[in-house]
C-alpha atoms as a PDB file:
ATOM      1  CA  UNK A   1      38.053-101.525 150.548  1.00  0.00           C
ATOM      2  CA  UNK A   2      41.426 -99.859 150.226  1.00  0.00           C
ATOM      3  CA  UNK A   3      43.785 -99.827 147.269  1.00  0.00           C
ATOM      4  CA  UNK A   4      45.741-102.582 149.012  1.00  0.00           C
ATOM      5  CA  UNK A   5      42.662-104.785 148.527  1.00  0.00           C
ATOM      6  CA  UNK A   6      41.889-103.672 144.981  1.00  0.00           C
ATOM      7  CA  UNK A   7      45.533-104.131 143.969  1.00  0.00           C
ATOM      8  CA  UNK A   8      45.431-107.717 145.244  1.00  0.00           C
ATOM      9  CA  UNK A   9      42.045-108.336 143.602  1.00  0.00           C
ATOM     10  CA  UNK A  10      43.298-106.972 140.282  1.00  0.00           C
ATOM     11  CA  UNK A  11      46.369-109.214 140.278  1.00  0.00           C
ATOM     12  CA  UNK A  12      44.251-112.215 141.250  1.00  0.00           C
ATOM     13  CA  UNK A  13      41.836-111.577 138.358  1.00  0.00           C
ATOM     14  CA  UNK A  14      44.765-111.428 135.922  1.00  0.00           C
ATOM     15  CA  UNK A  15      46.424-114.562 137.327  1.00  0.00           C
ATOM     16  CA  UNK A  16      43.165-116.527 137.193  1.00  0.00           C
ATOM     17  CA  UNK A  17      42.590-115.442 133.561  1.00  0.00           C
ATOM     18  CA  UNK A  18      39.278-113.851 134.578  1.00  0.00           C
ATOM     19  CA  UNK A  19      40.458-110.553 133.077  1.00  0.00           C
ATOM     20  CA  UNK A  20      43.048-109.580 130.477  1.00  0.00           C
ATOM     21  CA  UNK A  21      43.114-105.961 131.629  1.00  0.00           C
ATOM     22  CA  UNK A  22      42.091-104.337 134.895  1.00  0.00           C
ATOM     23  CA  UNK A  23      41.339-100.655 135.381  1.00  0.00           C
ATOM     24  CA  UNK A  24      41.511 -99.119 138.822  1.00  0.00           C
ATOM     25  CA  UNK A  25      42.788 -96.104 140.616  1.00  0.00           C
ATOM     26  CA  UNK A  26      42.642 -93.927 143.686  1.00  0.00           C
ATOM     27  CA  UNK A  27      43.013 -90.232 144.421  1.00  0.00           C
ATOM     28  CA  UNK A  28      46.421 -89.802 142.811  1.00  0.00           C
ATOM     29  CA  UNK A  29      46.532 -93.172 141.070  1.00  0.00           C
ATOM     30  CA  UNK A  30      49.878 -93.844 142.738  1.00  0.00           C
ATOM     31  CA  UNK A  31      48.593 -95.946 145.641  1.00  0.00           C
ATOM     32  CA  UNK A  32      46.698 -98.379 143.429  1.00  0.00           C
ATOM     33  CA  UNK A  33      49.602 -98.518 140.956  1.00  0.00           C
ATOM     34  CA  UNK A  34      52.084 -99.302 143.728  1.00  0.00           C
ATOM     35  CA  UNK A  35      49.749-101.887 145.278  1.00  0.00           C
ATOM     36  CA  UNK A  36      49.163-103.802 142.050  1.00  0.00           C
ATOM     37  CA  UNK A  37      52.836-103.687 141.053  1.00  0.00           C
ATOM     38  CA  UNK A  38      53.716-105.715 144.163  1.00  0.00           C
ATOM     39  CA  UNK A  39      52.444-108.826 142.371  1.00  0.00           C
ATOM     40  CA  UNK A  40      54.194-110.911 139.717  1.00  0.00           C
ATOM     41  CA  UNK A  41      53.384-110.350 136.083  1.00  0.00           C
ATOM     42  CA  UNK A  42      51.640-107.017 136.581  1.00  0.00           C
ATOM     43  CA  UNK A  43      52.429-104.125 134.243  1.00  0.00           C
ATOM     44  CA  UNK A  44      50.448-101.052 135.243  1.00  0.00           C
ATOM     45  CA  UNK A  45      50.267 -97.705 133.508  1.00  0.00           C
ATOM     46  CA  UNK A  46      49.512 -94.451 135.333  1.00  0.00           C
ATOM     47  CA  UNK A  47      47.206 -92.640 132.922  1.00  0.00           C
ATOM     48  CA  UNK A  48      46.599 -88.942 133.378  1.00  0.00           C
ATOM     49  CA  UNK A  49      45.683 -88.102 129.791  1.00  0.00           C
ATOM     50  CA  UNK A  50      44.484 -89.646 126.527  1.00  0.00           C
ATOM     51  CA  UNK A  51      48.078 -89.422 125.256  1.00  0.00           C
ATOM     52  CA  UNK A  52      49.264 -91.478 128.245  1.00  0.00           C
ATOM     53  CA  UNK A  53      46.638 -94.104 127.368  1.00  0.00           C
ATOM     54  CA  UNK A  54      47.634 -94.204 123.696  1.00  0.00           C
ATOM     55  CA  UNK A  55      51.358 -94.504 124.477  1.00  0.00           C
ATOM     56  CA  UNK A  56      50.813 -97.097 127.229  1.00  0.00           C
ATOM     57  CA  UNK A  57      48.868 -99.357 124.878  1.00  0.00           C
ATOM     58  CA  UNK A  58      51.401 -99.053 122.073  1.00  0.00           C
ATOM     59  CA  UNK A  59      54.639 -99.161 124.058  1.00  0.00           C
ATOM     60  CA  UNK A  60      54.027-100.874 127.396  1.00  0.00           C
ATOM     61  CA  UNK A  61      51.084-103.086 126.388  1.00  0.00           C
ATOM     62  CA  UNK A  62      50.385-103.891 130.033  1.00  0.00           C
ATOM     63  CA  UNK A  63      47.569-105.628 131.856  1.00  0.00           C
ATOM     64  CA  UNK A  64      46.597-102.876 134.298  1.00  0.00           C
ATOM     65  CA  UNK A  65      45.715 -99.190 134.229  1.00  0.00           C
ATOM     66  CA  UNK A  66      45.684 -96.795 137.175  1.00  0.00           C
ATOM     67  CA  UNK A  67      43.708 -93.552 137.031  1.00  0.00           C
ATOM     68  CA  UNK A  68      44.230 -90.480 139.226  1.00  0.00           C
ATOM     69  CA  UNK A  69      40.613 -90.049 140.267  1.00  0.00           C
ATOM     70  CA  UNK A  70      41.158 -86.657 141.917  1.00  0.00           C
ATOM     71  CA  UNK A  71      42.208 -85.047 138.623  1.00  0.00           C
ATOM     72  CA  UNK A  72      40.035 -84.302 135.629  1.00  0.00           C
ATOM     73  CA  UNK A  73      36.883 -86.079 136.755  1.00  0.00           C
ATOM     74  CA  UNK A  74      34.762 -83.176 137.964  1.00  0.00           C
ATOM     75  CA  UNK A  75      32.611 -81.264 135.503  1.00  0.00           C
ATOM     76  CA  UNK A  76      32.722 -83.077 132.122  1.00  0.00           C
ATOM     77  CA  UNK A  77      34.793 -85.816 133.765  1.00  0.00           C
ATOM     78  CA  UNK A  78      32.891 -88.457 131.835  1.00  0.00           C
ATOM     79  CA  UNK A  79      34.254 -86.894 128.639  1.00  0.00           C
ATOM     80  CA  UNK A  80      37.824 -87.047 129.935  1.00  0.00           C
ATOM     81  CA  UNK A  81      37.349 -90.689 130.886  1.00  0.00           C
ATOM     82  CA  UNK A  82      35.828 -91.403 127.472  1.00  0.00           C
ATOM     83  CA  UNK A  83      38.770 -89.760 125.710  1.00  0.00           C
ATOM     84  CA  UNK A  84      41.217 -91.833 127.761  1.00  0.00           C
ATOM     85  CA  UNK A  85      39.401 -95.100 126.985  1.00  0.00           C
ATOM     86  CA  UNK A  86      39.018 -94.165 123.308  1.00  0.00           C
ATOM     87  CA  UNK A  87      42.785 -93.750 123.025  1.00  0.00           C
ATOM     88  CA  UNK A  88      43.557 -96.783 125.170  1.00  0.00           C
ATOM     89  CA  UNK A  89      41.531 -99.115 122.957  1.00  0.00           C
ATOM     90  CA  UNK A  90      42.078 -97.445 119.563  1.00  0.00           C
ATOM     91  CA  UNK A  91      45.498 -98.903 118.776  1.00  0.00           C
ATOM     92  CA  UNK A  92      47.166-102.258 118.393  1.00  0.00           C
ATOM     93  CA  UNK A  93      48.660-103.087 121.782  1.00  0.00           C
ATOM     94  CA  UNK A  94      52.403-103.488 121.657  1.00  0.00           C
ATOM     95  CA  UNK A  95      52.689-101.893 118.204  1.00  0.00           C
ATOM     96  CA  UNK A  96      55.434 -99.561 119.407  1.00  0.00           C
ATOM     97  CA  UNK A  97      55.987 -95.846 119.117  1.00  0.00           C
ATOM     98  CA  UNK A  98      57.537 -94.674 117.039  1.00  0.00           C
ATOM     99  CA  UNK A  99      56.909 -97.701 114.817  1.00  0.00           C
ATOM    100  CA  UNK A 100      60.621 -98.443 114.336  1.00  0.00           C
ATOM    101  CA  UNK A 101      60.962 -98.892 118.134  1.00  0.00           C
ATOM    102  CA  UNK A 102      58.498-101.794 118.149  1.00  0.00           C
ATOM    103  CA  UNK A 103      61.095-104.562 118.525  1.00  0.00           C
ATOM    104  CA  UNK A 104      63.274-102.933 121.233  1.00  0.00           C
ATOM    105  CA  UNK A 105      60.106-102.052 123.173  1.00  0.00           C
ATOM    106  CA  UNK A 106      58.881-105.666 122.879  1.00  0.00           C
ATOM    107  CA  UNK A 107      62.272-106.872 124.136  1.00  0.00           C
ATOM    108  CA  UNK A 108      62.027-104.493 127.103  1.00  0.00           C
ATOM    109  CA  UNK A 109      58.545-105.805 127.950  1.00  0.00           C
ATOM    110  CA  UNK A 110      59.858-109.384 127.854  1.00  0.00           C
ATOM    111  CA  UNK A 111      62.842-108.439 130.040  1.00  0.00           C
ATOM    112  CA  UNK A 112      60.527-106.851 132.614  1.00  0.00           C
ATOM    113  CA  UNK A 113      58.346-109.974 132.566  1.00  0.00           C
ATOM    114  CA  UNK A 114      61.425-112.133 133.273  1.00  0.00           C
ATOM    115  CA  UNK A 115      62.518-109.819 136.084  1.00  0.00           C
ATOM    116  CA  UNK A 116      59.047-109.988 137.618  1.00  0.00           C
ATOM    117  CA  UNK A 117      59.015-113.791 137.492  1.00  0.00           C
ATOM    118  CA  UNK A 118      62.486-114.016 139.047  1.00  0.00           C
ATOM    119  CA  UNK A 119      61.829-111.554 141.864  1.00  0.00           C
ATOM    120  CA  UNK A 120      58.351-112.578 143.025  1.00  0.00           C
ATOM    121  CA  UNK A 121      56.815-115.553 144.778  1.00  0.00           C
ATOM    122  CA  UNK A 122      54.243-117.617 142.913  1.00  0.00           C
ATOM    123  CA  UNK A 123      50.641-116.468 143.263  1.00  0.00           C
ATOM    124  CA  UNK A 124      49.620-119.488 145.395  1.00  0.00           C
ATOM    125  CA  UNK A 125      52.519-118.678 147.758  1.00  0.00           C
ATOM    126  CA  UNK A 126      51.366-115.067 147.872  1.00  0.00           C
ATOM    127  CA  UNK A 127      47.794-116.091 148.683  1.00  0.00           C
ATOM    128  CA  UNK A 128      48.976-118.262 151.545  1.00  0.00           C
ATOM    129  CA  UNK A 129      51.456-115.774 153.017  1.00  0.00           C
ATOM    130  CA  UNK A 130      49.735-112.375 152.801  1.00  0.00           C
ATOM    131  CA  UNK A 131      48.003-111.026 155.907  1.00  0.00           C
ATOM    132  CA  UNK A 132      44.367-112.008 156.260  1.00  0.00           C
ATOM    133  CA  UNK A 133      43.270-108.363 156.373  1.00  0.00           C
ATOM    134  CA  UNK A 134      44.343-108.051 152.712  1.00  0.00           C
ATOM    135  CA  UNK A 135      43.401-111.451 151.308  1.00  0.00           C
ATOM    136  CA  UNK A 136      40.149-112.336 153.063  1.00  0.00           C
ATOM    137  CA  UNK A 137      38.037-109.223 152.296  1.00  0.00           C
ATOM    138  CA  UNK A 138      39.158-109.356 148.666  1.00  0.00           C
ATOM    139  CA  UNK A 139      38.471-113.085 148.230  1.00  0.00           C
ATOM    140  CA  UNK A 140      35.111-112.877 149.994  1.00  0.00           C
ATOM    141  CA  UNK A 141      34.065-109.958 147.793  1.00  0.00           C
ATOM    142  CA  UNK A 142      35.072-111.690 144.544  1.00  0.00           C
ATOM    143  CA  UNK A 143      33.299-114.913 145.565  1.00  0.00           C
ATOM    144  CA  UNK A 144      30.120-113.200 146.837  1.00  0.00           C
ATOM    145  CA  UNK A 145      29.823-111.121 143.661  1.00  0.00           C
ATOM    146  CA  UNK A 146      30.155-114.252 141.512  1.00  0.00           C
ATOM    147  CA  UNK A 147      33.367-112.993 139.911  1.00  0.00           C
ATOM    148  CA  UNK A 148      35.462-115.832 141.320  1.00  0.00           C
ATOM    149  CA  UNK A 149      34.167-119.411 141.156  1.00  0.00           C
ATOM    150  CA  UNK A 150      36.538-121.551 143.175  1.00  0.00           C
ATOM    151  CA  UNK A 151      35.028-124.758 141.792  1.00  0.00           C
ATOM    152  CA  UNK A 152      35.387-123.964 138.089  1.00  0.00           C
ATOM    153  CA  UNK A 153      38.213-125.648 136.166  1.00  0.00           C
ATOM    154  CA  UNK A 154      41.524-123.917 135.515  1.00  0.00           C
ATOM    155  CA  UNK A 155      44.299-122.391 137.593  1.00  0.00           C
ATOM    156  CA  UNK A 156      43.888-125.102 140.225  1.00  0.00           C
ATOM    157  CA  UNK A 157      46.909-124.222 142.365  1.00  0.00           C
ATOM    158  CA  UNK A 158      45.717-120.641 142.809  1.00  0.00           C
ATOM    159  CA  UNK A 159      42.135-121.718 143.531  1.00  0.00           C
ATOM    160  CA  UNK A 160      43.341-124.364 145.979  1.00  0.00           C
ATOM    161  CA  UNK A 161      45.285-121.702 147.893  1.00  0.00           C
ATOM    162  CA  UNK A 162      42.224-119.416 147.865  1.00  0.00           C
ATOM    163  CA  UNK A 163      39.998-122.216 149.195  1.00  0.00           C
ATOM    164  CA  UNK A 164      42.547-122.895 151.924  1.00  0.00           C
ATOM    165  CA  UNK A 165      42.585-119.223 152.977  1.00  0.00           C
ATOM    166  CA  UNK A 166      38.784-119.184 153.068  1.00  0.00           C
ATOM    167  CA  UNK A 167      38.681-122.416 155.100  1.00  0.00           C
ATOM    168  CA  UNK A 168      36.993-124.374 152.277  1.00  0.00           C
ATOM    169  CA  UNK A 169      39.571-127.136 151.827  1.00  0.00           C
END
């Protein structure tokens, strides 16, 4: 799959409340970041360092992380990844930095959320209007891996659109 698929899958997992946070990436991290940011309600951080992770959690408090997988993941790459995740999950999300900027940063996050809602289609509309070459491989993968259960309760309008795309009406 391409980052166009994983970006769609990531947004779908967030919108179905299957995940609170998704972590992905590609060579530079930019492709995945741009793909996932095409969807409503997605706030993705491009993390190149542990400091990026720490600041993203405190200031942006988003629901998606993009890693540049061609940088820093060779020899001892597992340590770099560990340092990034340690920093990402070591702080209270949305706590602000510096601390006195907490409220203006929260207000900015809320403003971005409102902008995203106003400028995007709903997720069911997206599911029904995106090209099949993006939606179908992603949906089939999530269903076959047991990640997405289209018959479970919750988020019915999204699941109904997914069933329609898969021909399971």
